[in-house]
Amino acid sequence: MARYRDYFPATRKGGGPLSVPAVSPIIKGVIERRSFSFAALIHNPSDTTSELYGWTRRVFLEFRELELRLLLGDLKPSLQFQI
């Protein structure tokens, strides 16, 4: 994936693309259950060492970094020194 990144430069203020890892068959089986909730997993984790928790944490961090990049992009014009 990374080898193709140079061919597609970021065109939006959010910067580069999100890097969401592939879902393993085990995780897919869990999240396809009707009763599954990402919000419940994050707010009340039963096992923070599980593969599902680790995958979810990485994905949420990617979205948080995207949000920060967008905020910084909005702030840059107002932070530049003006003479």
PDB file of N, CA and C in Angstrom:
ATOM      1  N   MET A   1       0.809  -1.183   0.000  1.00  0.00           N
ATOM      2  CA  MET A   1       0.000   0.000   0.000  1.00  0.00           C
ATOM      3  C   MET A   1       0.856   1.252   0.000  1.00  0.00           C
ATOM      4  N   ALA A   2       1.873   1.270   0.850  1.00  0.00           N
ATOM      5  CA  ALA A   2       2.707   2.465   0.983  1.00  0.00           C
ATOM      6  C   ALA A   2       3.431   2.791  -0.315  1.00  0.00           C
ATOM      7  N   ARG A   3       3.752   1.782  -1.118  1.00  0.00           N
ATOM      8  CA  ARG A   3       4.491   2.047  -2.350  1.00  0.00           C
ATOM      9  C   ARG A   3       3.655   2.812  -3.375  1.00  0.00           C
ATOM     10  N   TYR A   4       2.337   2.799  -3.260  1.00  0.00           N
ATOM     11  CA  TYR A   4       1.468   3.525  -4.182  1.00  0.00           C
ATOM     12  C   TYR A   4       1.136   4.933  -3.694  1.00  0.00           C
ATOM     13  N   ARG A   5       1.439   5.217  -2.443  1.00  0.00           N
ATOM     14  CA  ARG A   5       1.066   6.495  -1.833  1.00  0.00           C
ATOM     15  C   ARG A   5       1.633   7.684  -2.601  1.00  0.00           C
ATOM     16  N   ASP A   6       2.868   7.574  -3.106  1.00  0.00           N
ATOM     17  CA  ASP A   6       3.495   8.686  -3.826  1.00  0.00           C
ATOM     18  C   ASP A   6       2.766   9.026  -5.121  1.00  0.00           C
ATOM     19  N   TYR A   7       2.071   8.062  -5.698  1.00  0.00           N
ATOM     20  CA  TYR A   7       1.343   8.304  -6.944  1.00  0.00           C
ATOM     21  C   TYR A   7       0.032   9.058  -6.721  1.00  0.00           C
ATOM     22  N   PHE A   8      -0.420   9.098  -5.487  1.00  0.00           N
ATOM     23  CA  PHE A   8      -1.683   9.741  -5.159  1.00  0.00           C
ATOM     24  C   PHE A   8      -1.494  10.720  -4.000  1.00  0.00           C
ATOM     25  N   PRO A   9      -0.909  11.885  -4.288  1.00  0.00           N
ATOM     26  CA  PRO A   9      -0.677  12.843  -3.200  1.00  0.00           C
ATOM     27  C   PRO A   9      -1.987  13.363  -2.622  1.00  0.00           C
ATOM     28  N   ALA A  10      -1.925  13.767  -1.369  1.00  0.00           N
ATOM     29  CA  ALA A  10      -3.115  14.291  -0.691  1.00  0.00           C
ATOM     30  C   ALA A  10      -3.561  15.578  -1.360  1.00  0.00           C
ATOM     31  N   THR A  11      -4.839  15.682  -1.621  1.00  0.00           N
ATOM     32  CA  THR A  11      -5.382  16.882  -2.259  1.00  0.00           C
ATOM     33  C   THR A  11      -6.306  17.644  -1.324  1.00  0.00           C
ATOM     34  N   ARG A  12      -6.540  17.115  -0.158  1.00  0.00           N
ATOM     35  CA  ARG A  12      -7.437  17.760   0.795  1.00  0.00           C
ATOM     36  C   ARG A  12      -6.640  18.219   1.998  1.00  0.00           C
ATOM     37  N   LYS A  13      -7.228  19.092   2.769  1.00  0.00           N
ATOM     38  CA  LYS A  13      -6.526  19.645   3.917  1.00  0.00           C
ATOM     39  C   LYS A  13      -6.303  18.636   5.037  1.00  0.00           C
ATOM     40  N   GLY A  14      -6.927  17.481   4.964  1.00  0.00           N
ATOM     41  CA  GLY A  14      -6.768  16.450   5.985  1.00  0.00           C
ATOM     42  C   GLY A  14      -5.485  15.666   5.853  1.00  0.00           C
ATOM     43  N   GLY A  15      -4.746  15.889   4.784  1.00  0.00           N
ATOM     44  CA  GLY A  15      -3.481  15.203   4.614  1.00  0.00           C
ATOM     45  C   GLY A  15      -3.644  13.842   3.978  1.00  0.00           C
ATOM     46  N   GLY A  16      -2.756  12.942   4.344  1.00  0.00           N
ATOM     47  CA  GLY A  16      -2.719  11.613   3.754  1.00  0.00           C
ATOM     48  C   GLY A  16      -3.915  10.757   4.105  1.00  0.00           C
ATOM     49  N   PRO A  17      -4.000   9.617   3.460  1.00  0.00           N
ATOM     50  CA  PRO A  17      -5.147   8.727   3.689  1.00  0.00           C
ATOM     51  C   PRO A  17      -5.083   8.053   5.054  1.00  0.00           C
ATOM     52  N   LEU A  18      -6.231   7.611   5.505  1.00  0.00           N
ATOM     53  CA  LEU A  18      -6.301   6.834   6.741  1.00  0.00           C
ATOM     54  C   LEU A  18      -5.692   5.468   6.484  1.00  0.00           C
ATOM     55  N   SER A  19      -5.096   4.909   7.491  1.00  0.00           N
ATOM     56  CA  SER A  19      -4.530   3.579   7.387  1.00  0.00           C
ATOM     57  C   SER A  19      -5.323   2.656   8.302  1.00  0.00           C
ATOM     58  N   VAL A  20      -6.340   2.006   7.729  1.00  0.00           N
ATOM     59  CA  VAL A  20      -7.194   1.113   8.510  1.00  0.00           C
ATOM     60  C   VAL A  20      -6.758  -0.320   8.220  1.00  0.00           C
ATOM     61  N   PRO A  21      -6.299  -1.036   9.241  1.00  0.00           N
ATOM     62  CA  PRO A  21      -5.845  -2.404   9.022  1.00  0.00           C
ATOM     63  C   PRO A  21      -6.991  -3.325   8.623  1.00  0.00           C
ATOM     64  N   ALA A  22      -6.650  -4.347   7.867  1.00  0.00           N
ATOM     65  CA  ALA A  22      -7.648  -5.333   7.440  1.00  0.00           C
ATOM     66  C   ALA A  22      -8.217  -6.054   8.659  1.00  0.00           C
ATOM     67  N   VAL A  23      -9.430  -6.503   8.527  1.00  0.00           N
ATOM     68  CA  VAL A  23     -10.117  -7.213   9.607  1.00  0.00           C
ATOM     69  C   VAL A  23      -9.846  -8.706   9.462  1.00  0.00           C
ATOM     70  N   SER A  24      -9.398  -9.320  10.539  1.00  0.00           N
ATOM     71  CA  SER A  24      -9.162 -10.765  10.508  1.00  0.00           C
ATOM     72  C   SER A  24     -10.502 -11.497  10.551  1.00  0.00           C
ATOM     73  N   PRO A  25     -10.527 -12.766  10.154  1.00  0.00           N
ATOM     74  CA  PRO A  25     -11.777 -13.531  10.225  1.00  0.00           C
ATOM     75  C   PRO A  25     -12.368 -13.592  11.636  1.00  0.00           C
ATOM     76  N   ILE A  26     -11.513 -13.613  12.650  1.00  0.00           N
ATOM     77  CA  ILE A  26     -12.005 -13.658  14.034  1.00  0.00           C
ATOM     78  C   ILE A  26     -12.746 -12.364  14.362  1.00  0.00           C
ATOM     79  N   ILE A  27     -12.133 -11.230  14.043  1.00  0.00           N
ATOM     80  CA  ILE A  27     -12.771  -9.943  14.319  1.00  0.00           C
ATOM     81  C   ILE A  27     -14.050  -9.808  13.515  1.00  0.00           C
ATOM     82  N   LYS A  28     -14.010 -10.218  12.251  1.00  0.00           N
ATOM     83  CA  LYS A  28     -15.203 -10.120  11.399  1.00  0.00           C
ATOM     84  C   LYS A  28     -16.366 -10.898  12.007  1.00  0.00           C
ATOM     85  N   GLY A  29     -16.097 -12.074  12.511  1.00  0.00           N
ATOM     86  CA  GLY A  29     -17.147 -12.880  13.131  1.00  0.00           C
ATOM     87  C   GLY A  29     -17.769 -12.195  14.337  1.00  0.00           C
ATOM     88  N   VAL A  30     -16.947 -11.501  15.101  1.00  0.00           N
ATOM     89  CA  VAL A  30     -17.446 -10.820  16.299  1.00  0.00           C
ATOM     90  C   VAL A  30     -18.272  -9.594  15.930  1.00  0.00           C
ATOM     91  N   ILE A  31     -17.759  -8.765  15.007  1.00  0.00           N
ATOM     92  CA  ILE A  31     -18.456  -7.510  14.719  1.00  0.00           C
ATOM     93  C   ILE A  31     -19.705  -7.704  13.857  1.00  0.00           C
ATOM     94  N   GLU A  32     -19.860  -8.878  13.262  1.00  0.00           N
ATOM     95  CA  GLU A  32     -21.072  -9.132  12.479  1.00  0.00           C
ATOM     96  C   GLU A  32     -22.252  -9.578  13.332  1.00  0.00           C
ATOM     97  N   ARG A  33     -22.022  -9.813  14.603  1.00  0.00           N
ATOM     98  CA  ARG A  33     -23.123 -10.184  15.496  1.00  0.00           C
ATOM     99  C   ARG A  33     -24.058  -8.991  15.670  1.00  0.00           C
ATOM    100  N   ARG A  34     -25.337  -9.239  15.707  1.00  0.00           N
ATOM    101  CA  ARG A  34     -26.325  -8.164  15.880  1.00  0.00           C
ATOM    102  C   ARG A  34     -26.128  -7.391  17.172  1.00  0.00           C
ATOM    103  N   SER A  35     -25.716  -8.049  18.197  1.00  0.00           N
ATOM    104  CA  SER A  35     -25.587  -7.407  19.504  1.00  0.00           C
ATOM    105  C   SER A  35     -24.280  -6.634  19.668  1.00  0.00           C
ATOM    106  N   PHE A  36     -23.381  -6.705  18.686  1.00  0.00           N
ATOM    107  CA  PHE A  36     -22.084  -6.047  18.827  1.00  0.00           C
ATOM    108  C   PHE A  36     -22.214  -4.531  18.710  1.00  0.00           C
ATOM    109  N   SER A  37     -21.432  -3.808  19.519  1.00  0.00           N
ATOM    110  CA  SER A  37     -21.411  -2.347  19.496  1.00  0.00           C
ATOM    111  C   SER A  37     -19.981  -1.860  19.708  1.00  0.00           C
ATOM    112  N   PHE A  38     -19.457  -1.073  18.752  1.00  0.00           N
ATOM    113  CA  PHE A  38     -18.119  -0.499  18.922  1.00  0.00           C
ATOM    114  C   PHE A  38     -18.095   0.444  20.121  1.00  0.00           C
ATOM    115  N   ALA A  39     -19.146   1.211  20.293  1.00  0.00           N
ATOM    116  CA  ALA A  39     -19.212   2.151  21.416  1.00  0.00           C
ATOM    117  C   ALA A  39     -19.145   1.413  22.747  1.00  0.00           C
ATOM    118  N   ALA A  40     -19.869   0.333  22.866  1.00  0.00           N
ATOM    119  CA  ALA A  40     -19.849  -0.446  24.106  1.00  0.00           C
ATOM    120  C   ALA A  40     -18.465  -1.045  24.343  1.00  0.00           C
ATOM    121  N   LEU A  41     -17.806  -1.475  23.288  1.00  0.00           N
ATOM    122  CA  LEU A  41     -16.475  -2.056  23.422  1.00  0.00           C
ATOM    123  C   LEU A  41     -15.481  -1.039  23.970  1.00  0.00           C
ATOM    124  N   ILE A  42     -15.519   0.164  23.446  1.00  0.00           N
ATOM    125  CA  ILE A  42     -14.583   1.199  23.874  1.00  0.00           C
ATOM    126  C   ILE A  42     -14.916   1.725  25.272  1.00  0.00           C
ATOM    127  N   HIS A  43     -16.194   1.903  25.576  1.00  0.00           N
ATOM    128  CA  HIS A  43     -16.576   2.455  26.879  1.00  0.00           C
ATOM    129  C   HIS A  43     -16.515   1.435  28.010  1.00  0.00           C
ATOM    130  N   ASN A  44     -16.699   0.178  27.688  1.00  0.00           N
ATOM    131  CA  ASN A  44     -16.665  -0.875  28.711  1.00  0.00           C
ATOM    132  C   ASN A  44     -15.859  -2.075  28.212  1.00  0.00           C
ATOM    133  N   PRO A  45     -14.554  -1.886  28.009  1.00  0.00           N
ATOM    134  CA  PRO A  45     -13.765  -3.008  27.488  1.00  0.00           C
ATOM    135  C   PRO A  45     -13.654  -4.137  28.506  1.00  0.00           C
ATOM    136  N   SER A  46     -13.935  -5.338  28.056  1.00  0.00           N
ATOM    137  CA  SER A  46     -13.829  -6.476  28.965  1.00  0.00           C
ATOM    138  C   SER A  46     -12.422  -7.073  28.919  1.00  0.00           C
ATOM    139  N   ASP A  47     -11.753  -6.943  27.778  1.00  0.00           N
ATOM    140  CA  ASP A  47     -10.407  -7.494  27.628  1.00  0.00           C
ATOM    141  C   ASP A  47      -9.603  -6.572  26.719  1.00  0.00           C
ATOM    142  N   THR A  48      -8.783  -5.722  27.298  1.00  0.00           N
ATOM    143  CA  THR A  48      -8.023  -4.752  26.509  1.00  0.00           C
ATOM    144  C   THR A  48      -6.830  -5.381  25.795  1.00  0.00           C
ATOM    145  N   THR A  49      -6.605  -6.670  25.987  1.00  0.00           N
ATOM    146  CA  THR A  49      -5.520  -7.344  25.290  1.00  0.00           C
ATOM    147  C   THR A  49      -6.024  -8.122  24.083  1.00  0.00           C
ATOM    148  N   SER A  50      -7.318  -8.118  23.843  1.00  0.00           N
ATOM    149  CA  SER A  50      -7.865  -8.907  22.746  1.00  0.00           C
ATOM    150  C   SER A  50      -7.510  -8.302  21.389  1.00  0.00           C
ATOM    151  N   GLU A  51      -7.541  -9.134  20.377  1.00  0.00           N
ATOM    152  CA  GLU A  51      -7.267  -8.690  19.006  1.00  0.00           C
ATOM    153  C   GLU A  51      -8.287  -7.644  18.564  1.00  0.00           C
ATOM    154  N   LEU A  52      -9.534  -7.846  18.918  1.00  0.00           N
ATOM    155  CA  LEU A  52     -10.592  -6.907  18.549  1.00  0.00           C
ATOM    156  C   LEU A  52     -10.367  -5.548  19.188  1.00  0.00           C
ATOM    157  N   TYR A  53     -10.026  -5.519  20.469  1.00  0.00           N
ATOM    158  CA  TYR A  53      -9.792  -4.247  21.147  1.00  0.00           C
ATOM    159  C   TYR A  53      -8.601  -3.523  20.516  1.00  0.00           C
ATOM    160  N   GLY A  54      -7.533  -4.245  20.225  1.00  0.00           N
ATOM    161  CA  GLY A  54      -6.358  -3.645  19.607  1.00  0.00           C
ATOM    162  C   GLY A  54      -6.662  -3.070  18.237  1.00  0.00           C
ATOM    163  N   TRP A  55      -7.417  -3.808  17.428  1.00  0.00           N
ATOM    164  CA  TRP A  55      -7.791  -3.332  16.090  1.00  0.00           C
ATOM    165  C   TRP A  55      -8.659  -2.081  16.198  1.00  0.00           C
ATOM    166  N   THR A  56      -9.649  -2.125  17.078  1.00  0.00           N
ATOM    167  CA  THR A  56     -10.558  -0.985  17.252  1.00  0.00           C
ATOM    168  C   THR A  56      -9.795   0.239  17.733  1.00  0.00           C
ATOM    169  N   ARG A  57      -8.886   0.057  18.648  1.00  0.00           N
ATOM    170  CA  ARG A  57      -8.091   1.169  19.169  1.00  0.00           C
ATOM    171  C   ARG A  57      -7.265   1.806  18.051  1.00  0.00           C
ATOM    172  N   ARG A  58      -6.635   0.978  17.201  1.00  0.00           N
ATOM    173  CA  ARG A  58      -5.842   1.518  16.088  1.00  0.00           C
ATOM    174  C   ARG A  58      -6.715   2.324  15.130  1.00  0.00           C
ATOM    175  N   VAL A  59      -7.908   1.815  14.829  1.00  0.00           N
ATOM    176  CA  VAL A  59      -8.809   2.516  13.911  1.00  0.00           C
ATOM    177  C   VAL A  59      -9.278   3.839  14.519  1.00  0.00           C
ATOM    178  N   PHE A  60      -9.658   3.829  15.784  1.00  0.00           N
ATOM    179  CA  PHE A  60     -10.092   5.067  16.437  1.00  0.00           C
ATOM    180  C   PHE A  60      -8.961   6.085  16.476  1.00  0.00           C
ATOM    181  N   LEU A  61      -7.721   5.629  16.698  1.00  0.00           N
ATOM    182  CA  LEU A  61      -6.577   6.544  16.680  1.00  0.00           C
ATOM    183  C   LEU A  61      -6.375   7.167  15.303  1.00  0.00           C
ATOM    184  N   GLU A  62      -6.589   6.404  14.254  1.00  0.00           N
ATOM    185  CA  GLU A  62      -6.487   6.939  12.895  1.00  0.00           C
ATOM    186  C   GLU A  62      -7.499   8.064  12.683  1.00  0.00           C
ATOM    187  N   PHE A  63      -8.729   7.845  13.139  1.00  0.00           N
ATOM    188  CA  PHE A  63      -9.752   8.884  12.989  1.00  0.00           C
ATOM    189  C   PHE A  63      -9.432  10.105  13.846  1.00  0.00           C
ATOM    190  N   ARG A  64      -8.865   9.883  15.031  1.00  0.00           N
ATOM    191  CA  ARG A  64      -8.492  11.006  15.886  1.00  0.00           C
ATOM    192  C   ARG A  64      -7.375  11.818  15.226  1.00  0.00           C
ATOM    193  N   GLU A  65      -6.400  11.144  14.628  1.00  0.00           N
ATOM    194  CA  GLU A  65      -5.323  11.852  13.939  1.00  0.00           C
ATOM    195  C   GLU A  65      -5.857  12.630  12.743  1.00  0.00           C
ATOM    196  N   LEU A  66      -6.823  12.064  12.020  1.00  0.00           N
ATOM    197  CA  LEU A  66      -7.438  12.775  10.907  1.00  0.00           C
ATOM    198  C   LEU A  66      -8.124  14.043  11.410  1.00  0.00           C
ATOM    199  N   GLU A  67      -8.854  13.915  12.507  1.00  0.00           N
ATOM    200  CA  GLU A  67      -9.536  15.077  13.071  1.00  0.00           C
ATOM    201  C   GLU A  67      -8.535  16.162  13.474  1.00  0.00           C
ATOM    202  N   LEU A  68      -7.423  15.767  14.066  1.00  0.00           N
ATOM    203  CA  LEU A  68      -6.394  16.731  14.449  1.00  0.00           C
ATOM    204  C   LEU A  68      -5.771  17.398  13.224  1.00  0.00           C
ATOM    205  N   ARG A  69      -5.515  16.621  12.173  1.00  0.00           N
ATOM    206  CA  ARG A  69      -4.966  17.207  10.941  1.00  0.00           C
ATOM    207  C   ARG A  69      -5.932  18.221  10.351  1.00  0.00           C
ATOM    208  N   LEU A  70      -7.219  17.915  10.377  1.00  0.00           N
ATOM    209  CA  LEU A  70      -8.217  18.849   9.852  1.00  0.00           C
ATOM    210  C   LEU A  70      -8.260  20.126  10.692  1.00  0.00           C
ATOM    211  N   LEU A  71      -8.209  19.968  12.017  1.00  0.00           N
ATOM    212  CA  LEU A  71      -8.212  21.144  12.892  1.00  0.00           C
ATOM    213  C   LEU A  71      -6.967  21.998  12.669  1.00  0.00           C
ATOM    214  N   LEU A  72      -5.814  21.362  12.546  1.00  0.00           N
ATOM    215  CA  LEU A  72      -4.583  22.109  12.303  1.00  0.00           C
ATOM    216  C   LEU A  72      -4.630  22.807  10.948  1.00  0.00           C
ATOM    217  N   GLY A  73      -5.218  22.153   9.969  1.00  0.00           N
ATOM    218  CA  GLY A  73      -5.367  22.785   8.663  1.00  0.00           C
ATOM    219  C   GLY A  73      -6.234  24.029   8.740  1.00  0.00           C
ATOM    220  N   ASP A  74      -7.261  23.997   9.565  1.00  0.00           N
ATOM    221  CA  ASP A  74      -8.128  25.162   9.756  1.00  0.00           C
ATOM    222  C   ASP A  74      -7.419  26.271  10.525  1.00  0.00           C
ATOM    223  N   LEU A  75      -6.529  25.888  11.442  1.00  0.00           N
ATOM    224  CA  LEU A  75      -5.854  26.870  12.288  1.00  0.00           C
ATOM    225  C   LEU A  75      -4.640  27.525  11.625  1.00  0.00           C
ATOM    226  N   LYS A  76      -3.992  26.826  10.700  1.00  0.00           N
ATOM    227  CA  LYS A  76      -2.761  27.347  10.111  1.00  0.00           C
ATOM    228  C   LYS A  76      -2.881  28.772   9.584  1.00  0.00           C
ATOM    229  N   PRO A  77      -3.918  29.112   8.816  1.00  0.00           N
ATOM    230  CA  PRO A  77      -4.000  30.488   8.317  1.00  0.00           C
ATOM    231  C   PRO A  77      -4.051  31.523   9.439  1.00  0.00           C
ATOM    232  N   SER A  78      -4.716  31.212  10.527  1.00  0.00           N
ATOM    233  CA  SER A  78      -4.835  32.192  11.607  1.00  0.00           C
ATOM    234  C   SER A  78      -3.591  32.244  12.473  1.00  0.00           C
ATOM    235  N   LEU A  79      -2.725  31.237  12.394  1.00  0.00           N
ATOM    236  CA  LEU A  79      -1.515  31.198  13.209  1.00  0.00           C
ATOM    237  C   LEU A  79      -0.313  31.828  12.515  1.00  0.00           C
ATOM    238  N   GLN A  80      -0.394  32.054  11.234  1.00  0.00           N
ATOM    239  CA  GLN A  80       0.747  32.610  10.509  1.00  0.00           C
ATOM    240  C   GLN A  80       0.988  34.061  10.905  1.00  0.00           C
ATOM    241  N   PHE A  81       2.246  34.405  11.033  1.00  0.00           N
ATOM    242  CA  PHE A  81       2.634  35.754  11.437  1.00  0.00           C
ATOM    243  C   PHE A  81       2.340  36.725  10.312  1.00  0.00           C
ATOM    244  N   GLN A  82       1.661  37.782  10.631  1.00  0.00           N
ATOM    245  CA  GLN A  82       1.326  38.795   9.629  1.00  0.00           C
ATOM    246  C   GLN A  82       2.054  40.092   9.943  1.00  0.00           C
ATOM    247  N   ILE A  83       2.663  40.681   8.917  1.00  0.00           N
ATOM    248  CA  ILE A  83       3.386  41.951   9.087  1.00  0.00           C
ATOM    249  C   ILE A  83       2.548  43.089   8.551  1.00  0.00           C
TER     250      ILE A  83
END
